[in-house]
Structures are given as structure tokens and as C-alpha cells.
Amino acid sequence: MKLLGSLTSPFVRKVRVVMAEKRIECEFEQHDPWDEATPIPRFNPLGKVPVLLMDDGTALFDSRVIVEYLDGLTPVSRLIPDNGRPRVMVRRWEALADGVLEAAIAVYREGKRPSTQQSSAWIERQQRKVTAGLEMMAEELGEKSWCHGEGYSLADIAVGCCLGWLSLRLPDLDWASAHPNLKRLYDKLSKRPSFSDTAPSQT
């Protein structure tokens, strides 16, 4: 297998963390999806990363699809419950974290446009989603050690990758001061090799 993606994408990082936790060996090939010469659209018509190229040539895309496939490859460190409400609740956490990221990325991208072309109404709308999503994360985490149940799961990975990207790209948001329980979770996750080895850097 081969994973195509960028080092700063939080969705790529989610996949890389899952691979590390499950001890899945996979070649990682760096690509900038915004580069005109990128080969990503050959494998994903949406032009987004991550893309997982399977041994038979099939391309999987969307991090949620990829991590589900990876979690079923081996019983080592299962990260998604098999079925029922626990499975749905873990995927719900993932959907929340990914949704916050999508809104935050929209804010970041809009901020990169010339100031005369930026839409303050669009930025405010996306920022409200980020704020509300973080508030829900903090409320539902409460004083628990993990996002769902009594142990580490994909829910924690998704939230950790989300918070890491926010710190990297939108530091003025300062989510850590607003939500100290999320900061405690993030600090704990950051000590895991899977997170420390995939930590993004400013590029």
C-alpha cells in the first residue's frame, strides 16, 4: 500500500496515526494537492488528500473511509467498536472533529485571499461553526479521560488531529485557554509516539 498526502493535512495525519497505532507498514508519498502538477486527481477526482493506493490498484479516499478499512485489516489496537451505539458514537466524534476542521480550513483559506476579495460574512459564519464545535467537544468530554468509553479510540485521534491543526494554522483562536479539558486531552495524546512522530510543522 501507498499513502499519498501532505504533512500538514490533519486528515492525512489521522490516517498516519491510525497506521502507527495498528502497526501497519505503508509507504508515504508527499504531495501538495494545491500544486498544479499533483497526481492526486488521477486517483481522487475530488483532488483531495489523503489517498490510499491499495495493492490491487484500487484508490481509497476520504480519511473516514480509509481509517475504517485500516482498522479492519488487523485486530491489533482496535480503534472503532464493532457495531451498535458505541460504534456510532465514536464515528460521531470523528464527524464533529472533521466538521470543525472543514470550517476552520475554510477560514484559513479565505484569509489567504487578497483582503479586497475576502468575505467577512463567510469567515464569521465558518468561525461560528468552529466555536460551536469546540464547545460541544469540551462539554461532551467533560472530566473524562477519553472522548468515548474507558479507552483510547478513533474519537481521540480525530479530536487530537483537529486540535493540532488549529494550533498550527489558527493560533490566535487559542482553543486551549478556552477549553482546558481539551488541552489536557491533547497534551496526553501528544505524548504518544503516533502523535509525536506525525506532528505537523509550519510550512
Protein backbone atom coordinates (compact mmCIF):
# COMPACT_ATOMS: atom_id res chain seq x y z
CA MET A 1 0.00 0.00 0.00
CA LYS A 2 0.97 3.60 -0.51
CA LEU A 3 -0.44 6.69 1.21
CA LEU A 4 -0.49 9.95 -0.74
CA GLY A 5 -0.79 13.18 1.19
CA SER A 6 0.78 16.23 2.75
CA LEU A 7 2.49 16.55 6.12
CA THR A 8 0.26 19.37 7.29
CA SER A 9 -3.13 17.89 6.36
CA PRO A 10 -4.98 16.89 9.55
CA PHE A 11 -6.90 14.27 7.60
CA VAL A 12 -3.68 12.69 6.37
CA ARG A 13 -2.33 12.84 9.90
CA LYS A 14 -5.39 10.98 11.18
CA VAL A 15 -4.65 8.14 8.77
CA ARG A 16 -0.95 8.11 9.69
CA VAL A 17 -1.76 7.99 13.41
CA VAL A 18 -4.13 5.05 12.85
CA MET A 19 -1.43 3.23 10.85
CA ALA A 20 1.09 3.80 13.63
CA GLU A 21 -1.28 2.61 16.35
CA LYS A 22 -2.12 -0.52 14.38
CA ARG A 23 1.49 -1.11 13.31
CA ILE A 24 0.62 -1.11 9.63
CA GLU A 25 3.60 -0.57 7.34
CA CYS A 26 2.86 1.70 4.41
CA GLU A 27 4.90 3.85 2.07
CA PHE A 28 4.13 7.56 2.46
CA GLU A 29 4.46 9.77 -0.60
CA GLN A 30 4.21 13.52 -0.07
CA HIS A 31 2.06 15.57 -2.44
CA ASP A 32 0.66 19.08 -2.26
CA PRO A 33 -2.93 18.87 -3.53
CA TRP A 34 -2.77 22.58 -4.42
CA ASP A 35 0.16 22.05 -6.77
CA GLU A 36 -0.94 22.16 -10.41
CA ALA A 37 1.35 19.22 -11.17
CA THR A 38 -0.01 16.96 -8.40
CA PRO A 39 -1.05 13.46 -9.48
CA ILE A 40 -3.79 13.34 -6.82
CA PRO A 41 -6.71 13.93 -9.26
CA ARG A 42 -5.69 10.78 -11.15
CA PHE A 43 -6.66 8.78 -8.08
CA ASN A 44 -9.26 11.01 -6.43
CA PRO A 45 -11.36 13.09 -8.83
CA LEU A 46 -12.10 15.47 -5.96
CA GLY A 47 -8.41 16.34 -5.80
CA LYS A 48 -8.18 15.87 -2.04
CA VAL A 49 -5.82 14.00 0.26
CA PRO A 50 -5.39 11.51 1.78
CA VAL A 51 -5.46 8.84 -0.90
CA LEU A 52 -4.60 5.22 -0.09
CA LEU A 53 -3.42 3.15 -3.05
CA MET A 54 -4.14 -0.49 -2.32
CA ASP A 55 -2.04 -3.38 -3.60
CA ASP A 56 -4.58 -4.23 -6.30
CA GLY A 57 -4.51 -0.66 -7.64
CA THR A 58 -7.76 0.47 -6.02
CA ALA A 59 -7.63 4.01 -4.62
CA LEU A 60 -9.43 4.80 -1.38
CA PHE A 61 -10.11 8.40 -0.49
CA ASP A 62 -11.69 10.34 2.38
CA SER A 63 -9.96 9.78 5.71
CA ARG A 64 -13.10 8.28 7.27
CA VAL A 65 -13.25 5.57 4.63
CA ILE A 66 -9.52 4.89 4.85
CA VAL A 67 -9.38 4.56 8.64
CA GLU A 68 -12.34 2.20 8.64
CA TYR A 69 -10.55 -0.01 6.12
CA LEU A 70 -7.31 0.10 8.11
CA ASP A 71 -8.98 -0.70 11.41
CA GLY A 72 -10.40 -3.88 9.91
CA LEU A 73 -7.08 -5.06 8.47
CA THR A 74 -5.77 -6.32 11.79
CA PRO A 75 -7.20 -6.88 15.28
CA VAL A 76 -4.22 -5.05 16.79
CA SER A 77 -5.34 -1.94 18.72
CA ARG A 78 -8.92 -1.82 17.52
CA LEU A 79 -9.96 1.83 17.32
CA ILE A 80 -13.57 1.58 16.14
CA PRO A 81 -16.12 -0.54 18.06
CA ASP A 82 -17.54 -3.40 16.02
CA ASN A 83 -21.16 -2.32 15.99
CA GLY A 84 -24.10 -0.76 17.78
CA ARG A 85 -24.25 2.52 19.64
CA PRO A 86 -20.55 2.53 20.70
CA ARG A 87 -19.51 2.43 17.04
CA VAL A 88 -21.90 5.22 16.10
CA MET A 89 -20.73 7.40 19.00
CA VAL A 90 -17.06 7.06 18.05
CA ARG A 91 -17.89 7.94 14.44
CA ARG A 92 -19.98 10.86 15.73
CA TRP A 93 -16.90 12.25 17.48
CA GLU A 94 -14.95 11.83 14.26
CA ALA A 95 -17.65 13.65 12.27
CA LEU A 96 -17.62 16.50 14.78
CA ALA A 97 -13.83 16.87 14.69
CA ASP A 98 -13.75 16.68 10.90
CA GLY A 99 -16.56 19.23 10.65
CA VAL A 100 -14.69 21.68 12.85
CA LEU A 101 -11.65 21.19 10.65
CA GLU A 102 -13.58 21.78 7.44
CA ALA A 103 -14.93 25.08 8.77
CA ALA A 104 -11.52 26.10 10.14
CA ILE A 105 -9.81 25.29 6.84
CA ALA A 106 -12.39 27.47 5.07
CA VAL A 107 -11.46 30.34 7.42
CA TYR A 108 -7.76 29.77 6.81
CA ARG A 109 -8.14 29.63 3.03
CA GLU A 110 -10.33 32.72 2.92
CA GLY A 111 -7.71 34.57 4.94
CA LYS A 112 -5.13 33.75 2.28
CA ARG A 113 -7.08 35.60 -0.41
CA PRO A 114 -6.40 39.29 -1.14
CA SER A 115 -8.11 41.38 1.54
CA THR A 116 -10.32 43.09 -1.04
CA GLN A 117 -11.71 39.70 -2.11
CA GLN A 118 -12.33 38.27 1.35
CA SER A 119 -15.86 37.86 2.67
CA SER A 120 -16.13 38.82 6.34
CA ALA A 121 -19.62 37.30 6.46
CA TRP A 122 -18.27 33.96 5.17
CA ILE A 123 -15.40 33.99 7.68
CA GLU A 124 -17.74 34.79 10.58
CA ARG A 125 -20.12 32.02 9.54
CA GLN A 126 -17.31 29.44 9.49
CA GLN A 127 -15.84 30.74 12.74
CA ARG A 128 -19.18 30.24 14.45
CA LYS A 129 -19.10 26.60 13.40
CA VAL A 130 -15.59 26.19 14.80
CA THR A 131 -16.53 27.83 18.10
CA ALA A 132 -19.72 25.79 18.48
CA GLY A 133 -17.93 22.56 17.57
CA LEU A 134 -15.18 23.13 20.13
CA GLU A 135 -17.77 23.96 22.77
CA MET A 136 -19.57 20.68 22.09
CA MET A 137 -16.29 18.75 22.22
CA ALA A 138 -15.41 20.30 25.57
CA GLU A 139 -18.89 19.75 27.00
CA GLU A 140 -19.07 16.11 25.95
CA LEU A 141 -15.52 15.33 27.07
CA GLY A 142 -16.15 16.88 30.49
CA GLU A 143 -13.79 15.38 33.05
CA LYS A 144 -13.46 12.06 31.27
CA SER A 145 -10.06 10.67 30.34
CA TRP A 146 -11.10 9.76 26.79
CA CYS A 147 -13.69 11.00 24.33
CA HIS A 148 -15.71 7.81 24.34
CA GLY A 149 -15.87 5.00 26.87
CA GLU A 150 -12.99 3.94 29.06
CA GLY A 151 -10.21 3.80 26.49
CA TYR A 152 -8.40 5.33 23.56
CA SER A 153 -10.22 5.20 20.24
CA LEU A 154 -10.57 6.82 16.84
CA ALA A 155 -12.61 9.53 18.57
CA ASP A 156 -9.50 10.72 20.42
CA ILE A 157 -7.35 10.51 17.29
CA ALA A 158 -9.80 12.65 15.29
CA VAL A 159 -10.06 15.25 18.04
CA GLY A 160 -6.30 15.31 18.57
CA CYS A 161 -5.61 15.85 14.86
CA CYS A 162 -8.20 18.61 14.78
CA LEU A 163 -6.74 20.45 17.77
CA GLY A 164 -3.21 20.07 16.43
CA TRP A 165 -4.15 21.67 13.13
CA LEU A 166 -5.94 24.54 14.86
CA SER A 167 -2.81 25.25 16.89
CA LEU A 168 -0.69 25.19 13.74
CA ARG A 169 -2.81 27.25 11.38
CA LEU A 170 -5.09 29.35 13.60
CA PRO A 171 -3.02 30.04 16.74
CA ASP A 172 -4.98 33.21 17.54
CA LEU A 173 -8.03 31.04 18.17
CA ASP A 174 -6.38 29.91 21.44
CA TRP A 175 -8.74 26.98 21.96
CA ALA A 176 -6.50 25.66 24.75
CA SER A 177 -7.22 28.59 27.07
CA ALA A 178 -10.93 28.44 26.36
CA HIS A 179 -11.17 24.68 26.92
CA PRO A 180 -8.62 23.37 29.44
CA ASN A 181 -10.09 19.87 29.38
CA LEU A 182 -9.40 19.63 25.64
CA LYS A 183 -5.88 20.89 26.35
CA ARG A 184 -5.37 18.10 28.91
CA LEU A 185 -6.51 15.52 26.38
CA TYR A 186 -4.30 17.00 23.66
CA ASP A 187 -1.25 17.06 25.92
CA LYS A 188 -1.82 13.39 26.76
CA LEU A 189 -2.23 12.46 23.11
CA SER A 190 0.88 14.41 22.13
CA LYS A 191 3.00 12.07 24.27
CA ARG A 192 2.01 9.05 22.22
CA PRO A 193 4.61 8.14 19.57
CA SER A 194 1.90 8.03 16.90
CA PHE A 195 1.16 11.69 17.53
CA SER A 196 4.66 12.97 18.20
CA ASP A 197 6.00 11.27 15.05
CA THR A 198 3.30 12.85 12.87
CA ALA A 199 3.27 16.34 14.40
CA PRO A 200 2.96 18.92 11.61
CA SER A 201 5.36 21.83 11.28
CA GLN A 202 4.75 25.26 9.82
CA THR A 203 5.38 25.27 6.06
